[in-house]
Amino acid sequence: MRRTAVLGLLIAVGVVATMSRPVAQTNVAEIANVKDNLYVITGGGGNTAAYVTDDGVVLVDTKNPGWGDAILAQVRTVTDKPVSIIINTHTHGDHVGSNIDFDAGVNVVAHANTKANMERMDAFQSASGRGYLPGETYTDRMTLLDGDEAIDLYHFGHGHTNGDTIVVFRSLGVAHTGDLFAWKGVPYIDVNNGGSGVSYPETLLAAADGISGIDMVIPGHSPVMTWADFREFGEFNRDFLAAVQREKAAGRTAADAAENLNLPARYANYAMSRGSLTSAEMNTTKIYNELD
């Protein structure tokens, strides 16, 4: 009886210890239909688009490292076709981090500058990691697939980085903009990867004028918006740049300029700070440095 009681106590202690021990959390993403055979998968970094074609699934961006299984789990709720193409809109880890979670034969596509930027990332230094760098690149425009499944890739210049791709699902009238248009607010300008606060508005407005037939936009980190929202974002960056230039011409420091920016009332809903890396002062400083 005593031995049984002791054994029971040990089991009970073991159960309590197990219950109190931290349990590894599984990454869980969510999927929503955008239009017809196009879906957006959220969570774990940038928005991932999943486009179901006759021959496989085209993914746009792969989130942070370790989210490949979560992406695939959501893809499997709508199709059993394999992932055949990955398009990376730019170089950042929250958009390319899970490239390495997919089959080695997947075709990775990106702008040539994005490939060069990715080659410097730690994740792609090993022999296996290098296998998930873009195997196919372009400079200005490229079309993948044919007919109603055609996907157009556009690059209009420096903005968030020097390799930003806008992905257009032509027959659906939908574009994925990556972090070139991530949210309504001050963008993050990655000068270390070729981003430019001076060129940003020109790049956005060239895209707004140069791409036709788009109704819906999948931004980098926001719910689905409209092409009119994209154009407005370009106008916001144009007016932000003009306001900074006025402040610099008046002899103010970047910090003072950020406090005194006079922007039109139409941008009242735009976030002027989204963490220290995307604050108005940070972007004002970057623009000042470019103008110098």
C-alpha atoms as a PDB file:
ATOM      1  CA  MET A   1       0.000   0.000   0.000  1.00  0.00           C
ATOM      2  CA  ARG A   2       2.797   2.398   0.901  1.00  0.00           C
ATOM      3  CA  ARG A   3       4.624   1.630  -2.337  1.00  0.00           C
ATOM      4  CA  THR A   4       1.420   2.197  -4.290  1.00  0.00           C
ATOM      5  CA  ALA A   5       0.799   5.494  -2.533  1.00  0.00           C
ATOM      6  CA  VAL A   6       4.344   6.679  -3.267  1.00  0.00           C
ATOM      7  CA  LEU A   7       4.013   5.643  -6.916  1.00  0.00           C
ATOM      8  CA  GLY A   8       0.725   7.507  -7.168  1.00  0.00           C
ATOM      9  CA  LEU A   9       2.326  10.586  -5.655  1.00  0.00           C
ATOM     10  CA  LEU A  10       5.196  10.449  -8.149  1.00  0.00           C
ATOM     11  CA  ILE A  11       2.766  10.128 -11.043  1.00  0.00           C
ATOM     12  CA  ALA A  12       0.734  13.049  -9.749  1.00  0.00           C
ATOM     13  CA  VAL A  13       3.861  15.194  -9.390  1.00  0.00           C
ATOM     14  CA  GLY A  14       4.891  14.216 -12.907  1.00  0.00           C
ATOM     15  CA  VAL A  15       1.508  15.259 -14.282  1.00  0.00           C
ATOM     16  CA  VAL A  16       1.672  18.617 -12.507  1.00  0.00           C
ATOM     17  CA  ALA A  17       5.232  19.183 -13.767  1.00  0.00           C
ATOM     18  CA  THR A  18       4.186  18.339 -17.294  1.00  0.00           C
ATOM     19  CA  MET A  19       1.213  20.682 -17.106  1.00  0.00           C
ATOM     20  CA  SER A  20       3.382  23.534 -15.809  1.00  0.00           C
ATOM     21  CA  ARG A  21       6.161  23.036 -18.378  1.00  0.00           C
ATOM     22  CA  PRO A  22       5.940  25.475 -21.332  1.00  0.00           C
ATOM     23  CA  VAL A  23       4.515  23.816 -24.425  1.00  0.00           C
ATOM     24  CA  ALA A  24       5.883  24.757 -27.845  1.00  0.00           C
ATOM     25  CA  GLN A  25       3.351  26.794 -29.763  1.00  0.00           C
ATOM     26  CA  THR A  26       2.508  25.914 -33.356  1.00  0.00           C
ATOM     27  CA  ASN A  27       2.382  28.824 -35.763  1.00  0.00           C
ATOM     28  CA  VAL A  28      -1.153  29.290 -37.025  1.00  0.00           C
ATOM     29  CA  ALA A  29      -2.005  31.420 -40.043  1.00  0.00           C
ATOM     30  CA  GLU A  30      -5.405  32.396 -41.436  1.00  0.00           C
ATOM     31  CA  ILE A  31      -6.668  32.331 -45.002  1.00  0.00           C
ATOM     32  CA  ALA A  32      -9.338  34.418 -46.723  1.00  0.00           C
ATOM     33  CA  ASN A  33     -10.577  34.489 -50.291  1.00  0.00           C
ATOM     34  CA  VAL A  34      -9.711  37.665 -52.173  1.00  0.00           C
ATOM     35  CA  LYS A  35     -11.288  36.810 -55.518  1.00  0.00           C
ATOM     36  CA  ASP A  36     -11.966  33.549 -57.368  1.00  0.00           C
ATOM     37  CA  ASN A  37      -8.804  31.395 -57.109  1.00  0.00           C
ATOM     38  CA  LEU A  38      -6.749  34.014 -55.226  1.00  0.00           C
ATOM     39  CA  TYR A  39      -6.353  33.958 -51.438  1.00  0.00           C
ATOM     40  CA  VAL A  40      -4.485  35.954 -48.796  1.00  0.00           C
ATOM     41  CA  ILE A  41      -2.805  34.211 -45.862  1.00  0.00           C
ATOM     42  CA  THR A  42      -2.198  36.399 -42.830  1.00  0.00           C
ATOM     43  CA  GLY A  43      -0.118  36.087 -39.669  1.00  0.00           C
ATOM     44  CA  GLY A  44       3.591  35.572 -39.129  1.00  0.00           C
ATOM     45  CA  GLY A  45       4.860  38.537 -41.098  1.00  0.00           C
ATOM     46  CA  GLY A  46       3.870  40.000 -44.441  1.00  0.00           C
ATOM     47  CA  ASN A  47       0.687  39.064 -46.255  1.00  0.00           C
ATOM     48  CA  THR A  48       1.120  35.944 -48.383  1.00  0.00           C
ATOM     49  CA  ALA A  49      -0.928  35.573 -51.552  1.00  0.00           C
ATOM     50  CA  ALA A  50      -1.839  32.075 -52.733  1.00  0.00           C
ATOM     51  CA  TYR A  51      -2.915  31.804 -56.375  1.00  0.00           C
ATOM     52  CA  VAL A  52      -4.262  28.416 -57.424  1.00  0.00           C
ATOM     53  CA  THR A  53      -3.457  27.604 -61.055  1.00  0.00           C
ATOM     54  CA  ASP A  54      -3.904  24.526 -63.220  1.00  0.00           C
ATOM     55  CA  ASP A  55      -0.342  23.350 -62.569  1.00  0.00           C
ATOM     56  CA  GLY A  56       0.187  24.410 -58.981  1.00  0.00           C
ATOM     57  CA  VAL A  57       0.042  27.160 -56.387  1.00  0.00           C
ATOM     58  CA  VAL A  58       1.882  30.442 -56.802  1.00  0.00           C
ATOM     59  CA  LEU A  59       2.837  32.057 -53.485  1.00  0.00           C
ATOM     60  CA  VAL A  60       3.733  35.709 -53.117  1.00  0.00           C
ATOM     61  CA  ASP A  61       6.055  36.080 -50.082  1.00  0.00           C
ATOM     62  CA  THR A  62       6.642  33.473 -47.386  1.00  0.00           C
ATOM     63  CA  LYS A  63       6.534  35.348 -44.052  1.00  0.00           C
ATOM     64  CA  ASN A  64       9.004  35.032 -41.187  1.00  0.00           C
ATOM     65  CA  PRO A  65      11.226  31.961 -40.751  1.00  0.00           C
ATOM     66  CA  GLY A  66       9.357  28.905 -39.541  1.00  0.00           C
ATOM     67  CA  TRP A  67       5.985  29.744 -41.079  1.00  0.00           C
ATOM     68  CA  GLY A  68       6.155  27.432 -44.107  1.00  0.00           C
ATOM     69  CA  ASP A  69       4.069  24.689 -42.491  1.00  0.00           C
ATOM     70  CA  ALA A  70       1.455  27.237 -41.393  1.00  0.00           C
ATOM     71  CA  ILE A  71       1.234  28.577 -44.947  1.00  0.00           C
ATOM     72  CA  LEU A  72       0.926  25.066 -46.385  1.00  0.00           C
ATOM     73  CA  ALA A  73      -1.736  24.133 -43.844  1.00  0.00           C
ATOM     74  CA  GLN A  74      -3.898  26.979 -45.104  1.00  0.00           C
ATOM     75  CA  VAL A  75      -3.177  26.223 -48.761  1.00  0.00           C
ATOM     76  CA  ARG A  76      -4.334  22.653 -48.143  1.00  0.00           C
ATOM     77  CA  THR A  77      -7.757  23.948 -47.071  1.00  0.00           C
ATOM     78  CA  VAL A  78      -8.393  25.148 -50.636  1.00  0.00           C
ATOM     79  CA  THR A  79      -6.338  22.816 -52.864  1.00  0.00           C
ATOM     80  CA  ASP A  80      -4.097  19.754 -52.838  1.00  0.00           C
ATOM     81  CA  LYS A  81      -1.895  21.111 -55.638  1.00  0.00           C
ATOM     82  CA  PRO A  82       1.811  21.648 -54.885  1.00  0.00           C
ATOM     83  CA  VAL A  83       3.475  25.014 -54.509  1.00  0.00           C
ATOM     84  CA  SER A  84       5.202  25.530 -57.875  1.00  0.00           C
ATOM     85  CA  ILE A  85       6.327  29.175 -57.805  1.00  0.00           C
ATOM     86  CA  ILE A  86       7.334  31.595 -55.048  1.00  0.00           C
ATOM     87  CA  ILE A  87       7.504  35.300 -55.873  1.00  0.00           C
ATOM     88  CA  ASN A  88       9.407  37.435 -53.368  1.00  0.00           C
ATOM     89  CA  THR A  89       8.355  41.091 -53.491  1.00  0.00           C
ATOM     90  CA  HIS A  90      11.527  42.254 -51.719  1.00  0.00           C
ATOM     91  CA  THR A  91      14.378  41.117 -49.487  1.00  0.00           C
ATOM     92  CA  HIS A  92      13.125  41.328 -45.868  1.00  0.00           C
ATOM     93  CA  GLY A  93      12.955  38.339 -43.543  1.00  0.00           C
ATOM     94  CA  ASP A  94       9.235  38.694 -42.871  1.00  0.00           C
ATOM     95  CA  HIS A  95       8.614  38.175 -46.605  1.00  0.00           C
ATOM     96  CA  VAL A  96      11.313  35.651 -47.620  1.00  0.00           C
ATOM     97  CA  GLY A  97      11.948  33.909 -44.288  1.00  0.00           C
ATOM     98  CA  SER A  98      10.151  30.650 -45.054  1.00  0.00           C
ATOM     99  CA  ASN A  99      11.361  30.119 -48.629  1.00  0.00           C
ATOM    100  CA  ILE A 100      13.510  27.291 -47.284  1.00  0.00           C
ATOM    101  CA  ASP A 101      10.465  25.420 -45.934  1.00  0.00           C
ATOM    102  CA  PHE A 102       9.222  24.483 -49.393  1.00  0.00           C
ATOM    103  CA  ASP A 103      10.256  21.752 -51.825  1.00  0.00           C
ATOM    104  CA  ALA A 104      13.675  22.247 -53.370  1.00  0.00           C
ATOM    105  CA  GLY A 105      12.226  22.257 -56.876  1.00  0.00           C
ATOM    106  CA  VAL A 106      10.079  25.345 -56.375  1.00  0.00           C
ATOM    107  CA  ASN A 107      10.828  28.200 -58.790  1.00  0.00           C
ATOM    108  CA  VAL A 108      11.699  31.364 -56.844  1.00  0.00           C
ATOM    109  CA  VAL A 109      11.248  34.632 -58.764  1.00  0.00           C
ATOM    110  CA  ALA A 110      12.209  38.181 -57.786  1.00  0.00           C
ATOM    111  CA  HIS A 111      13.696  41.412 -59.070  1.00  0.00           C
ATOM    112  CA  ALA A 112      17.432  41.214 -59.810  1.00  0.00           C
ATOM    113  CA  ASN A 113      18.196  43.735 -57.040  1.00  0.00           C
ATOM    114  CA  THR A 114      16.178  41.697 -54.561  1.00  0.00           C
ATOM    115  CA  LYS A 115      18.198  38.602 -55.401  1.00  0.00           C
ATOM    116  CA  ALA A 116      21.412  40.558 -54.777  1.00  0.00           C
ATOM    117  CA  ASN A 117      20.038  41.799 -51.448  1.00  0.00           C
ATOM    118  CA  MET A 118      18.915  38.305 -50.420  1.00  0.00           C
ATOM    119  CA  GLU A 119      22.365  36.908 -51.165  1.00  0.00           C
ATOM    120  CA  ARG A 120      23.651  38.940 -48.206  1.00  0.00           C
ATOM    121  CA  MET A 121      21.064  37.529 -45.778  1.00  0.00           C
ATOM    122  CA  ASP A 122      22.219  34.913 -43.241  1.00  0.00           C
ATOM    123  CA  ALA A 123      19.416  32.522 -44.189  1.00  0.00           C
ATOM    124  CA  PHE A 124      20.836  32.075 -47.690  1.00  0.00           C
ATOM    125  CA  GLN A 125      24.538  31.627 -46.868  1.00  0.00           C
ATOM    126  CA  SER A 126      24.537  27.821 -46.605  1.00  0.00           C
ATOM    127  CA  ALA A 127      24.534  25.563 -49.645  1.00  0.00           C
ATOM    128  CA  SER A 128      20.963  24.490 -48.923  1.00  0.00           C
ATOM    129  CA  GLY A 129      19.861  28.060 -48.279  1.00  0.00           C
ATOM    130  CA  ARG A 130      21.314  29.276 -51.572  1.00  0.00           C
ATOM    131  CA  GLY A 131      18.991  26.832 -53.299  1.00  0.00           C
ATOM    132  CA  TYR A 132      16.067  29.038 -52.255  1.00  0.00           C
ATOM    133  CA  LEU A 133      17.426  32.237 -53.738  1.00  0.00           C
ATOM    134  CA  PRO A 134      15.604  33.479 -56.830  1.00  0.00           C
ATOM    135  CA  GLY A 135      16.470  31.322 -59.814  1.00  0.00           C
ATOM    136  CA  GLU A 136      14.615  33.638 -62.161  1.00  0.00           C
ATOM    137  CA  THR A 137      14.933  37.436 -62.110  1.00  0.00           C
ATOM    138  CA  TYR A 138      13.854  40.481 -64.103  1.00  0.00           C
ATOM    139  CA  THR A 139      14.597  44.210 -64.261  1.00  0.00           C
ATOM    140  CA  ASP A 140      11.517  46.195 -65.354  1.00  0.00           C
ATOM    141  CA  ARG A 141       8.683  43.848 -66.244  1.00  0.00           C
ATOM    142  CA  MET A 142       8.114  40.121 -66.498  1.00  0.00           C
ATOM    143  CA  THR A 143       5.133  37.850 -67.176  1.00  0.00           C
ATOM    144  CA  LEU A 144       4.690  34.407 -65.640  1.00  0.00           C
ATOM    145  CA  LEU A 145       2.191  31.830 -66.950  1.00  0.00           C
ATOM    146  CA  ASP A 146      -0.192  32.326 -69.861  1.00  0.00           C
ATOM    147  CA  GLY A 147      -3.753  33.240 -70.718  1.00  0.00           C
ATOM    148  CA  ASP A 148      -6.159  33.881 -67.864  1.00  0.00           C
ATOM    149  CA  GLU A 149      -3.539  32.728 -65.360  1.00  0.00           C
ATOM    150  CA  ALA A 150      -0.953  35.322 -66.428  1.00  0.00           C
ATOM    151  CA  ILE A 151       0.892  37.127 -63.630  1.00  0.00           C
ATOM    152  CA  ASP A 152       2.693  40.393 -64.411  1.00  0.00           C
ATOM    153  CA  LEU A 153       5.650  41.563 -62.323  1.00  0.00           C
ATOM    154  CA  TYR A 154       6.488  45.273 -62.328  1.00  0.00           C
ATOM    155  CA  HIS A 155       9.374  47.310 -60.941  1.00  0.00           C
ATOM    156  CA  PHE A 156       9.158  51.108 -61.177  1.00  0.00           C
ATOM    157  CA  GLY A 157      12.201  52.216 -59.175  1.00  0.00           C
ATOM    158  CA  HIS A 158      13.523  52.761 -55.669  1.00  0.00           C
ATOM    159  CA  GLY A 159      11.081  52.990 -52.772  1.00  0.00           C
ATOM    160  CA  HIS A 160      10.891  50.653 -49.781  1.00  0.00           C
ATOM    161  CA  THR A 161      14.020  48.947 -51.224  1.00  0.00           C
ATOM    162  CA  ASN A 162      15.695  49.008 -54.633  1.00  0.00           C
ATOM    163  CA  GLY A 163      13.998  45.782 -55.735  1.00  0.00           C
ATOM    164  CA  ASP A 164      10.297  46.192 -54.945  1.00  0.00           C
ATOM    165  CA  THR A 165       7.986  44.099 -57.113  1.00  0.00           C
ATOM    166  CA  ILE A 166       4.292  44.736 -57.712  1.00  0.00           C
ATOM    167  CA  VAL A 167       2.610  41.442 -58.568  1.00  0.00           C
ATOM    168  CA  VAL A 168      -0.473  41.733 -60.789  1.00  0.00           C
ATOM    169  CA  PHE A 169      -2.966  38.915 -61.222  1.00  0.00           C
ATOM    170  CA  ARG A 170      -4.075  40.212 -64.568  1.00  0.00           C
ATOM    171  CA  SER A 171      -7.420  38.514 -65.148  1.00  0.00           C
ATOM    172  CA  LEU A 172      -8.564  39.215 -61.570  1.00  0.00           C
ATOM    173  CA  GLY A 173      -7.654  42.901 -61.442  1.00  0.00           C
ATOM    174  CA  VAL A 174      -5.742  42.368 -58.183  1.00  0.00           C
ATOM    175  CA  ALA A 175      -2.230  43.510 -57.245  1.00  0.00           C
ATOM    176  CA  HIS A 176       0.050  42.460 -54.382  1.00  0.00           C
ATOM    177  CA  THR A 177       2.291  45.419 -53.565  1.00  0.00           C
ATOM    178  CA  GLY A 178       4.538  43.957 -50.887  1.00  0.00           C
ATOM    179  CA  ASP A 179       5.895  46.626 -48.559  1.00  0.00           C
ATOM    180  CA  LEU A 180       6.117  49.235 -51.287  1.00  0.00           C
ATOM    181  CA  PHE A 181       2.587  49.846 -49.967  1.00  0.00           C
ATOM    182  CA  ALA A 182       2.388  48.143 -46.588  1.00  0.00           C
ATOM    183  CA  TRP A 183      -0.118  50.363 -44.772  1.00  0.00           C
ATOM    184  CA  LYS A 184      -1.635  53.831 -44.747  1.00  0.00           C
ATOM    185  CA  GLY A 185       1.062  55.775 -42.974  1.00  0.00           C
ATOM    186  CA  VAL A 186       4.738  56.655 -42.999  1.00  0.00           C
ATOM    187  CA  PRO A 187       6.540  53.806 -44.773  1.00  0.00           C
ATOM    188  CA  TYR A 188       9.764  52.109 -43.759  1.00  0.00           C
ATOM    189  CA  ILE A 189      12.570  53.207 -46.081  1.00  0.00           C
ATOM    190  CA  ASP A 190      15.371  50.625 -46.043  1.00  0.00           C
ATOM    191  CA  VAL A 191      18.327  52.677 -47.249  1.00  0.00           C
ATOM    192  CA  ASN A 192      20.693  49.740 -46.596  1.00  0.00           C
ATOM    193  CA  ASN A 193      18.874  47.825 -49.323  1.00  0.00           C
ATOM    194  CA  GLY A 194      18.528  50.730 -51.742  1.00  0.00           C
ATOM    195  CA  GLY A 195      15.357  52.350 -50.419  1.00  0.00           C
ATOM    196  CA  SER A 196      14.841  56.039 -51.175  1.00  0.00           C
ATOM    197  CA  GLY A 197      12.564  58.634 -49.599  1.00  0.00           C
ATOM    198  CA  VAL A 198      13.223  60.998 -52.504  1.00  0.00           C
ATOM    199  CA  SER A 199      12.346  58.461 -55.210  1.00  0.00           C
ATOM    200  CA  TYR A 200       9.534  56.764 -53.262  1.00  0.00           C
ATOM    201  CA  PRO A 201       6.640  59.014 -54.410  1.00  0.00           C
ATOM    202  CA  GLU A 202       7.798  59.023 -58.022  1.00  0.00           C
ATOM    203  CA  THR A 203       7.962  55.223 -57.992  1.00  0.00           C
ATOM    204  CA  LEU A 204       4.470  54.880 -56.501  1.00  0.00           C
ATOM    205  CA  LEU A 205       2.827  57.366 -58.846  1.00  0.00           C
ATOM    206  CA  ALA A 206       4.564  55.858 -61.874  1.00  0.00           C
ATOM    207  CA  ALA A 207       3.038  52.524 -60.867  1.00  0.00           C
ATOM    208  CA  ALA A 208      -0.380  54.085 -60.311  1.00  0.00           C
ATOM    209  CA  ASP A 209      -0.255  55.587 -63.811  1.00  0.00           C
ATOM    210  CA  GLY A 210       1.504  52.689 -65.492  1.00  0.00           C
ATOM    211  CA  ILE A 211      -0.618  49.744 -64.367  1.00  0.00           C
ATOM    212  CA  SER A 212      -4.243  49.609 -65.510  1.00  0.00           C
ATOM    213  CA  GLY A 213      -7.209  47.410 -64.729  1.00  0.00           C
ATOM    214  CA  ILE A 214      -6.557  47.015 -60.988  1.00  0.00           C
ATOM    215  CA  ASP A 215      -9.447  47.208 -58.523  1.00  0.00           C
ATOM    216  CA  MET A 216      -8.104  45.478 -55.420  1.00  0.00           C
ATOM    217  CA  VAL A 217      -4.748  45.613 -53.647  1.00  0.00           C
ATOM    218  CA  ILE A 218      -3.143  43.212 -51.174  1.00  0.00           C
ATOM    219  CA  PRO A 219      -0.785  45.472 -49.187  1.00  0.00           C
ATOM    220  CA  GLY A 220       2.267  44.148 -47.372  1.00  0.00           C
ATOM    221  CA  HIS A 221       0.773  44.280 -43.872  1.00  0.00           C
ATOM    222  CA  SER A 222      -2.838  45.507 -44.093  1.00  0.00           C
ATOM    223  CA  PRO A 223      -6.265  44.232 -45.094  1.00  0.00           C
ATOM    224  CA  VAL A 224      -7.192  44.304 -48.770  1.00  0.00           C
ATOM    225  CA  MET A 225      -7.594  47.832 -50.133  1.00  0.00           C
ATOM    226  CA  THR A 226      -8.305  49.499 -53.482  1.00  0.00           C
ATOM    227  CA  TRP A 227      -6.128  50.865 -56.275  1.00  0.00           C
ATOM    228  CA  ALA A 228      -7.404  54.305 -55.308  1.00  0.00           C
ATOM    229  CA  ASP A 229      -5.860  53.713 -51.869  1.00  0.00           C
ATOM    230  CA  PHE A 230      -2.569  52.871 -53.557  1.00  0.00           C
ATOM    231  CA  ARG A 231      -2.614  56.086 -55.574  1.00  0.00           C
ATOM    232  CA  GLU A 232      -3.498  58.090 -52.474  1.00  0.00           C
ATOM    233  CA  PHE A 233      -0.496  56.532 -50.735  1.00  0.00           C
ATOM    234  CA  GLY A 234       1.670  57.762 -53.587  1.00  0.00           C
ATOM    235  CA  GLU A 235       0.223  61.246 -53.197  1.00  0.00           C
ATOM    236  CA  PHE A 236       0.842  61.115 -49.441  1.00  0.00           C
ATOM    237  CA  ASN A 237       4.514  60.339 -50.006  1.00  0.00           C
ATOM    238  CA  ARG A 238       4.726  63.097 -52.634  1.00  0.00           C
ATOM    239  CA  ASP A 239       3.255  65.622 -50.208  1.00  0.00           C
ATOM    240  CA  PHE A 240       5.399  64.320 -47.339  1.00  0.00           C
ATOM    241  CA  LEU A 241       8.537  64.804 -49.447  1.00  0.00           C
ATOM    242  CA  ALA A 242       7.446  68.311 -50.472  1.00  0.00           C
ATOM    243  CA  ALA A 243       6.807  69.259 -46.830  1.00  0.00           C
ATOM    244  CA  VAL A 244      10.252  67.980 -45.795  1.00  0.00           C
ATOM    245  CA  GLN A 245      11.886  69.903 -48.632  1.00  0.00           C
ATOM    246  CA  ARG A 246      10.159  73.107 -47.495  1.00  0.00           C
ATOM    247  CA  GLU A 247      11.357  72.601 -43.935  1.00  0.00           C
ATOM    248  CA  LYS A 248      14.926  71.932 -45.065  1.00  0.00           C
ATOM    249  CA  ALA A 249      14.892  75.039 -47.256  1.00  0.00           C
ATOM    250  CA  ALA A 250      13.776  77.021 -44.198  1.00  0.00           C
ATOM    251  CA  GLY A 251      16.901  75.871 -42.357  1.00  0.00           C
ATOM    252  CA  ARG A 252      15.232  73.614 -39.778  1.00  0.00           C
ATOM    253  CA  THR A 253      16.825  70.460 -38.437  1.00  0.00           C
ATOM    254  CA  ALA A 254      15.312  67.108 -39.379  1.00  0.00           C
ATOM    255  CA  ALA A 255      13.882  66.713 -35.864  1.00  0.00           C
ATOM    256  CA  ASP A 256      12.257  70.147 -35.987  1.00  0.00           C
ATOM    257  CA  ALA A 257      11.026  69.526 -39.510  1.00  0.00           C
ATOM    258  CA  ALA A 258       9.279  66.323 -38.436  1.00  0.00           C
ATOM    259  CA  GLU A 259       7.444  68.266 -35.729  1.00  0.00           C
ATOM    260  CA  ASN A 260       6.370  71.004 -38.139  1.00  0.00           C
ATOM    261  CA  LEU A 261       5.344  69.091 -41.238  1.00  0.00           C
ATOM    262  CA  ASN A 262       2.280  70.714 -42.752  1.00  0.00           C
ATOM    263  CA  LEU A 263       0.375  67.954 -44.534  1.00  0.00           C
ATOM    264  CA  PRO A 264      -3.088  68.209 -46.116  1.00  0.00           C
ATOM    265  CA  ALA A 265      -6.041  67.294 -43.910  1.00  0.00           C
ATOM    266  CA  ARG A 266      -6.921  64.409 -46.238  1.00  0.00           C
ATOM    267  CA  TYR A 267      -4.115  62.404 -44.583  1.00  0.00           C
ATOM    268  CA  ALA A 268      -5.462  62.774 -41.053  1.00  0.00           C
ATOM    269  CA  ASN A 269      -5.975  59.007 -40.826  1.00  0.00           C
ATOM    270  CA  TYR A 270      -2.389  58.225 -41.840  1.00  0.00           C
ATOM    271  CA  ALA A 271      -0.116  56.912 -39.089  1.00  0.00           C
ATOM    272  CA  MET A 272       2.854  59.229 -38.707  1.00  0.00           C
ATOM    273  CA  SER A 273       4.622  56.750 -36.437  1.00  0.00           C
ATOM    274  CA  ARG A 274       4.538  52.964 -36.573  1.00  0.00           C
ATOM    275  CA  GLY A 275       7.387  52.154 -34.271  1.00  0.00           C
ATOM    276  CA  SER A 276      10.730  53.892 -34.154  1.00  0.00           C
ATOM    277  CA  LEU A 277      11.865  52.543 -37.513  1.00  0.00           C
ATOM    278  CA  THR A 278       8.934  54.062 -39.389  1.00  0.00           C
ATOM    279  CA  SER A 279       8.506  57.363 -37.597  1.00  0.00           C
ATOM    280  CA  ALA A 280       8.117  60.665 -39.419  1.00  0.00           C
ATOM    281  CA  GLU A 281      11.371  61.859 -37.861  1.00  0.00           C
ATOM    282  CA  MET A 282      13.267  58.810 -39.107  1.00  0.00           C
ATOM    283  CA  ASN A 283      12.032  59.297 -42.665  1.00  0.00           C
ATOM    284  CA  THR A 284      12.642  63.029 -42.511  1.00  0.00           C
ATOM    285  CA  THR A 285      16.247  62.355 -41.465  1.00  0.00           C
ATOM    286  CA  LYS A 286      16.694  59.881 -44.326  1.00  0.00           C
ATOM    287  CA  ILE A 287      15.317  62.380 -46.832  1.00  0.00           C
ATOM    288  CA  TYR A 288      17.588  65.129 -45.439  1.00  0.00           C
ATOM    289  CA  ASN A 289      20.582  62.822 -45.892  1.00  0.00           C
ATOM    290  CA  GLU A 290      19.581  62.083 -49.489  1.00  0.00           C
ATOM    291  CA  LEU A 291      19.074  65.748 -50.293  1.00  0.00           C
ATOM    292  CA  ASP A 292      22.523  66.524 -48.919  1.00  0.00           C
END
